[in-house]
């Protein structure tokens, strides 16, 4: 739910910066004069910004203002930022499977998603860390042939293996 701004007699400031119904700045006026102007035009005086000194108020219908605020909030959530996808590799992954994972990663990167590349090591595989790093570097080479990538977080050792974050350049 959106925070409802103060309007008309709820505004506490003695002077306000007034914006008329056309969006033009009228200037700094007293609150009583701004309320009188709003009443003459049959509109509401809505405090748009309380952070400015003096606060910014606008002449507008309150219902219309709320409609535009909700529409703006929906627009922000509609264009969500990129997701983070996880591509999981194993110690004994074959070259063909690496290519398949790289092509799937390419699709994610083209959509604008970030990718966490995870290589899980089990048991005695943990002793062969250099071989595991080689597998991840092979994966990156295959992926770089198809689409240029940037490394957002370097290869890092986790308790269960290795992980890194990549994104499209």
C-alpha atoms as a PDB file:
ATOM      1  CA  UNK A   1       0.000   0.000   0.000  1.00  0.00           C
ATOM      2  CA  UNK A   2       1.293   3.419  -0.928  1.00  0.00           C
ATOM      3  CA  UNK A   3       1.884   6.112   1.649  1.00  0.00           C
ATOM      4  CA  UNK A   4      -0.827   8.720   1.239  1.00  0.00           C
ATOM      5  CA  UNK A   5       0.482  12.293   1.120  1.00  0.00           C
ATOM      6  CA  UNK A   6      -1.113  15.078   3.149  1.00  0.00           C
ATOM      7  CA  UNK A   7      -3.669  17.194   1.338  1.00  0.00           C
ATOM      8  CA  UNK A   8      -5.525  20.475   1.853  1.00  0.00           C
ATOM      9  CA  UNK A   9      -5.788  21.219   5.612  1.00  0.00           C
ATOM     10  CA  UNK A  10      -3.456  18.336   6.579  1.00  0.00           C
ATOM     11  CA  UNK A  11      -0.431  20.261   5.231  1.00  0.00           C
ATOM     12  CA  UNK A  12       1.553  21.739   8.146  1.00  0.00           C
ATOM     13  CA  UNK A  13       3.919  24.201   6.402  1.00  0.00           C
ATOM     14  CA  UNK A  14       3.203  27.943   6.392  1.00  0.00           C
ATOM     15  CA  UNK A  15       4.615  28.443   2.866  1.00  0.00           C
ATOM     16  CA  UNK A  16       4.608  26.028  -0.059  1.00  0.00           C
ATOM     17  CA  UNK A  17       6.083  25.872  -3.542  1.00  0.00           C
ATOM     18  CA  UNK A  18       2.982  25.626  -5.726  1.00  0.00           C
ATOM     19  CA  UNK A  19       2.640  23.708  -8.991  1.00  0.00           C
ATOM     20  CA  UNK A  20      -0.588  24.381 -10.911  1.00  0.00           C
ATOM     21  CA  UNK A  21      -2.802  21.830 -12.691  1.00  0.00           C
ATOM     22  CA  UNK A  22      -0.844  22.235 -15.950  1.00  0.00           C
ATOM     23  CA  UNK A  23       2.444  21.372 -14.215  1.00  0.00           C
ATOM     24  CA  UNK A  24       3.845  24.911 -14.240  1.00  0.00           C
ATOM     25  CA  UNK A  25       5.556  26.313 -11.137  1.00  0.00           C
ATOM     26  CA  UNK A  26       3.646  29.211  -9.660  1.00  0.00           C
ATOM     27  CA  UNK A  27       6.304  29.932  -7.053  1.00  0.00           C
ATOM     28  CA  UNK A  28       6.442  30.120  -3.279  1.00  0.00           C
ATOM     29  CA  UNK A  29       3.101  31.193  -1.808  1.00  0.00           C
ATOM     30  CA  UNK A  30       1.480  31.090   1.607  1.00  0.00           C
ATOM     31  CA  UNK A  31      -0.510  27.997   2.511  1.00  0.00           C
ATOM     32  CA  UNK A  32      -3.737  29.989   2.859  1.00  0.00           C
ATOM     33  CA  UNK A  33      -3.351  31.465  -0.650  1.00  0.00           C
ATOM     34  CA  UNK A  34      -2.581  27.998  -2.085  1.00  0.00           C
ATOM     35  CA  UNK A  35      -5.666  26.530  -0.366  1.00  0.00           C
ATOM     36  CA  UNK A  36      -7.793  29.419  -1.672  1.00  0.00           C
ATOM     37  CA  UNK A  37      -6.497  28.838  -5.234  1.00  0.00           C
ATOM     38  CA  UNK A  38      -7.263  25.108  -4.963  1.00  0.00           C
ATOM     39  CA  UNK A  39     -10.779  25.808  -3.699  1.00  0.00           C
ATOM     40  CA  UNK A  40     -11.452  28.315  -6.511  1.00  0.00           C
ATOM     41  CA  UNK A  41     -10.416  25.786  -9.154  1.00  0.00           C
ATOM     42  CA  UNK A  42     -12.243  22.900  -7.478  1.00  0.00           C
ATOM     43  CA  UNK A  43      -9.054  20.887  -7.001  1.00  0.00           C
ATOM     44  CA  UNK A  44      -7.116  19.489  -4.051  1.00  0.00           C
ATOM     45  CA  UNK A  45      -3.814  20.815  -2.759  1.00  0.00           C
ATOM     46  CA  UNK A  46      -1.535  17.767  -2.455  1.00  0.00           C
ATOM     47  CA  UNK A  47       1.884  17.829  -0.803  1.00  0.00           C
ATOM     48  CA  UNK A  48       4.081  16.077  -3.361  1.00  0.00           C
ATOM     49  CA  UNK A  49       7.455  16.470  -1.643  1.00  0.00           C
ATOM     50  CA  UNK A  50       8.075  17.186   2.008  1.00  0.00           C
ATOM     51  CA  UNK A  51      11.861  16.969   1.698  1.00  0.00           C
ATOM     52  CA  UNK A  52      12.136  20.325  -0.091  1.00  0.00           C
ATOM     53  CA  UNK A  53      12.117  23.605   1.802  1.00  0.00           C
ATOM     54  CA  UNK A  54       9.423  24.887   1.408  1.00  0.00           C
ATOM     55  CA  UNK A  55       7.460  21.686   0.638  1.00  0.00           C
ATOM     56  CA  UNK A  56       6.236  21.202  -2.927  1.00  0.00           C
ATOM     57  CA  UNK A  57       2.456  21.104  -3.363  1.00  0.00           C
ATOM     58  CA  UNK A  58       0.425  20.464  -6.471  1.00  0.00           C
ATOM     59  CA  UNK A  59      -3.084  21.409  -7.559  1.00  0.00           C
ATOM     60  CA  UNK A  60      -4.747  18.199  -8.728  1.00  0.00           C
ATOM     61  CA  UNK A  61      -7.653  15.868  -8.095  1.00  0.00           C
ATOM     62  CA  UNK A  62      -6.678  13.553  -5.238  1.00  0.00           C
ATOM     63  CA  UNK A  63      -8.101  10.414  -6.879  1.00  0.00           C
ATOM     64  CA  UNK A  64      -6.184  11.126 -10.081  1.00  0.00           C
ATOM     65  CA  UNK A  65      -2.994  11.647  -8.083  1.00  0.00           C
ATOM     66  CA  UNK A  66      -3.416   8.290  -6.311  1.00  0.00           C
ATOM     67  CA  UNK A  67      -4.100   6.591  -9.654  1.00  0.00           C
ATOM     68  CA  UNK A  68      -0.838   7.927 -11.110  1.00  0.00           C
ATOM     69  CA  UNK A  69       1.108   6.934  -7.982  1.00  0.00           C
ATOM     70  CA  UNK A  70      -0.204   3.345  -8.196  1.00  0.00           C
ATOM     71  CA  UNK A  71       0.523   3.221 -11.917  1.00  0.00           C
ATOM     72  CA  UNK A  72       4.094   4.416 -11.307  1.00  0.00           C
ATOM     73  CA  UNK A  73       4.601   1.784  -8.580  1.00  0.00           C
ATOM     74  CA  UNK A  74       3.316  -0.987 -10.859  1.00  0.00           C
ATOM     75  CA  UNK A  75       5.625   0.182 -13.647  1.00  0.00           C
ATOM     76  CA  UNK A  76       8.624  -0.093 -11.336  1.00  0.00           C
ATOM     77  CA  UNK A  77       7.765  -3.651 -10.296  1.00  0.00           C
ATOM     78  CA  UNK A  78       6.924  -4.680 -13.862  1.00  0.00           C
ATOM     79  CA  UNK A  79      10.440  -3.989 -15.100  1.00  0.00           C
ATOM     80  CA  UNK A  80      12.127  -6.192 -12.573  1.00  0.00           C
ATOM     81  CA  UNK A  81      15.841  -6.362 -12.453  1.00  0.00           C
ATOM     82  CA  UNK A  82      17.727  -9.384 -13.632  1.00  0.00           C
ATOM     83  CA  UNK A  83      17.311 -12.706 -11.917  1.00  0.00           C
ATOM     84  CA  UNK A  84      20.128 -14.866 -10.681  1.00  0.00           C
ATOM     85  CA  UNK A  85      20.286 -18.338 -12.199  1.00  0.00           C
ATOM     86  CA  UNK A  86      22.398 -21.211 -10.923  1.00  0.00           C
ATOM     87  CA  UNK A  87      24.356 -23.485 -13.254  1.00  0.00           C
ATOM     88  CA  UNK A  88      25.648 -26.502 -11.410  1.00  0.00           C
ATOM     89  CA  UNK A  89      28.653 -28.420 -12.702  1.00  0.00           C
ATOM     90  CA  UNK A  90      30.066 -31.667 -11.385  1.00  0.00           C
ATOM     91  CA  UNK A  91      33.616 -32.922 -11.074  1.00  0.00           C
ATOM     92  CA  UNK A  92      33.216 -35.615 -13.752  1.00  0.00           C
ATOM     93  CA  UNK A  93      31.183 -33.565 -16.257  1.00  0.00           C
ATOM     94  CA  UNK A  94      31.805 -34.515 -19.888  1.00  0.00           C
ATOM     95  CA  UNK A  95      32.843 -31.969 -22.542  1.00  0.00           C
ATOM     96  CA  UNK A  96      29.472 -32.321 -24.305  1.00  0.00           C
ATOM     97  CA  UNK A  97      27.606 -31.595 -21.064  1.00  0.00           C
ATOM     98  CA  UNK A  98      29.809 -28.531 -20.541  1.00  0.00           C
ATOM     99  CA  UNK A  99      28.758 -27.287 -23.998  1.00  0.00           C
ATOM    100  CA  UNK A 100      25.093 -27.914 -23.165  1.00  0.00           C
ATOM    101  CA  UNK A 101      25.385 -26.005 -19.889  1.00  0.00           C
ATOM    102  CA  UNK A 102      27.196 -23.185 -21.710  1.00  0.00           C
ATOM    103  CA  UNK A 103      24.422 -22.892 -24.321  1.00  0.00           C
ATOM    104  CA  UNK A 104      21.786 -22.775 -21.583  1.00  0.00           C
ATOM    105  CA  UNK A 105      23.863 -20.140 -19.788  1.00  0.00           C
ATOM    106  CA  UNK A 106      24.065 -18.127 -23.006  1.00  0.00           C
ATOM    107  CA  UNK A 107      20.245 -17.959 -23.136  1.00  0.00           C
ATOM    108  CA  UNK A 108      20.098 -16.757 -19.538  1.00  0.00           C
ATOM    109  CA  UNK A 109      22.769 -14.118 -20.149  1.00  0.00           C
ATOM    110  CA  UNK A 110      21.001 -12.829 -23.274  1.00  0.00           C
ATOM    111  CA  UNK A 111      17.862 -12.294 -21.178  1.00  0.00           C
ATOM    112  CA  UNK A 112      19.970 -10.173 -18.814  1.00  0.00           C
ATOM    113  CA  UNK A 113      20.174 -12.655 -15.956  1.00  0.00           C
ATOM    114  CA  UNK A 114      23.246 -13.161 -13.786  1.00  0.00           C
ATOM    115  CA  UNK A 115      24.597 -16.672 -13.368  1.00  0.00           C
ATOM    116  CA  UNK A 116      26.140 -18.368 -10.367  1.00  0.00           C
ATOM    117  CA  UNK A 117      28.394 -21.157 -11.589  1.00  0.00           C
ATOM    118  CA  UNK A 118      28.717 -23.832  -8.902  1.00  0.00           C
ATOM    119  CA  UNK A 119      30.985 -26.888  -8.986  1.00  0.00           C
ATOM    120  CA  UNK A 120      30.273 -29.275  -6.142  1.00  0.00           C
ATOM    121  CA  UNK A 121      33.028 -31.540  -4.872  1.00  0.00           C
ATOM    122  CA  UNK A 122      32.267 -34.699  -2.900  1.00  0.00           C
ATOM    123  CA  UNK A 123      34.549 -36.845  -0.817  1.00  0.00           C
ATOM    124  CA  UNK A 124      37.982 -37.379  -2.337  1.00  0.00           C
ATOM    125  CA  UNK A 125      37.237 -34.919  -5.149  1.00  0.00           C
ATOM    126  CA  UNK A 126      37.965 -32.116  -2.660  1.00  0.00           C
ATOM    127  CA  UNK A 127      41.654 -33.010  -2.791  1.00  0.00           C
ATOM    128  CA  UNK A 128      41.757 -32.287  -6.544  1.00  0.00           C
ATOM    129  CA  UNK A 129      40.918 -28.575  -6.436  1.00  0.00           C
ATOM    130  CA  UNK A 130      43.140 -27.656  -9.408  1.00  0.00           C
ATOM    131  CA  UNK A 131      41.306 -30.130 -11.661  1.00  0.00           C
ATOM    132  CA  UNK A 132      37.986 -28.597 -10.559  1.00  0.00           C
ATOM    133  CA  UNK A 133      39.234 -25.081 -11.359  1.00  0.00           C
ATOM    134  CA  UNK A 134      40.197 -26.387 -14.802  1.00  0.00           C
ATOM    135  CA  UNK A 135      36.623 -27.591 -15.382  1.00  0.00           C
ATOM    136  CA  UNK A 136      35.248 -24.146 -14.551  1.00  0.00           C
ATOM    137  CA  UNK A 137      37.797 -22.443 -16.801  1.00  0.00           C
ATOM    138  CA  UNK A 138      36.807 -24.841 -19.642  1.00  0.00           C
ATOM    139  CA  UNK A 139      33.183 -23.850 -19.084  1.00  0.00           C
ATOM    140  CA  UNK A 140      34.100 -20.147 -19.253  1.00  0.00           C
ATOM    141  CA  UNK A 141      36.141 -20.644 -22.446  1.00  0.00           C
ATOM    142  CA  UNK A 142      33.203 -22.365 -24.152  1.00  0.00           C
ATOM    143  CA  UNK A 143      30.840 -19.644 -22.966  1.00  0.00           C
ATOM    144  CA  UNK A 144      33.195 -16.822 -24.033  1.00  0.00           C
ATOM    145  CA  UNK A 145      33.250 -18.215 -27.585  1.00  0.00           C
ATOM    146  CA  UNK A 146      29.477 -17.711 -27.787  1.00  0.00           C
ATOM    147  CA  UNK A 147      28.956 -14.538 -25.756  1.00  0.00           C
ATOM    148  CA  UNK A 148      31.369 -12.201 -23.929  1.00  0.00           C
ATOM    149  CA  UNK A 149      30.969 -12.427 -20.167  1.00  0.00           C
ATOM    150  CA  UNK A 150      32.322 -10.460 -17.231  1.00  0.00           C
ATOM    151  CA  UNK A 151      33.130 -12.003 -13.881  1.00  0.00           C
ATOM    152  CA  UNK A 152      31.212 -10.211 -11.134  1.00  0.00           C
ATOM    153  CA  UNK A 153      32.627 -12.349  -8.330  1.00  0.00           C
ATOM    154  CA  UNK A 154      35.881 -14.236  -8.746  1.00  0.00           C
ATOM    155  CA  UNK A 155      36.122 -17.992  -8.316  1.00  0.00           C
ATOM    156  CA  UNK A 156      35.754 -18.654  -4.608  1.00  0.00           C
ATOM    157  CA  UNK A 157      36.259 -21.819  -2.577  1.00  0.00           C
ATOM    158  CA  UNK A 158      33.140 -22.867  -0.686  1.00  0.00           C
ATOM    159  CA  UNK A 159      32.872 -25.698   1.837  1.00  0.00           C
ATOM    160  CA  UNK A 160      31.197 -27.857  -0.809  1.00  0.00           C
ATOM    161  CA  UNK A 161      33.270 -26.799  -3.839  1.00  0.00           C
ATOM    162  CA  UNK A 162      33.722 -23.654  -5.955  1.00  0.00           C
ATOM    163  CA  UNK A 163      31.433 -20.863  -7.069  1.00  0.00           C
ATOM    164  CA  UNK A 164      31.589 -17.673  -9.120  1.00  0.00           C
ATOM    165  CA  UNK A 165      29.143 -15.102 -10.464  1.00  0.00           C
ATOM    166  CA  UNK A 166      29.150 -14.046 -14.120  1.00  0.00           C
ATOM    167  CA  UNK A 167      27.070 -11.631 -16.191  1.00  0.00           C
ATOM    168  CA  UNK A 168      26.866 -10.386 -19.759  1.00  0.00           C
ATOM    169  CA  UNK A 169      29.346  -7.658 -20.700  1.00  0.00           C
END
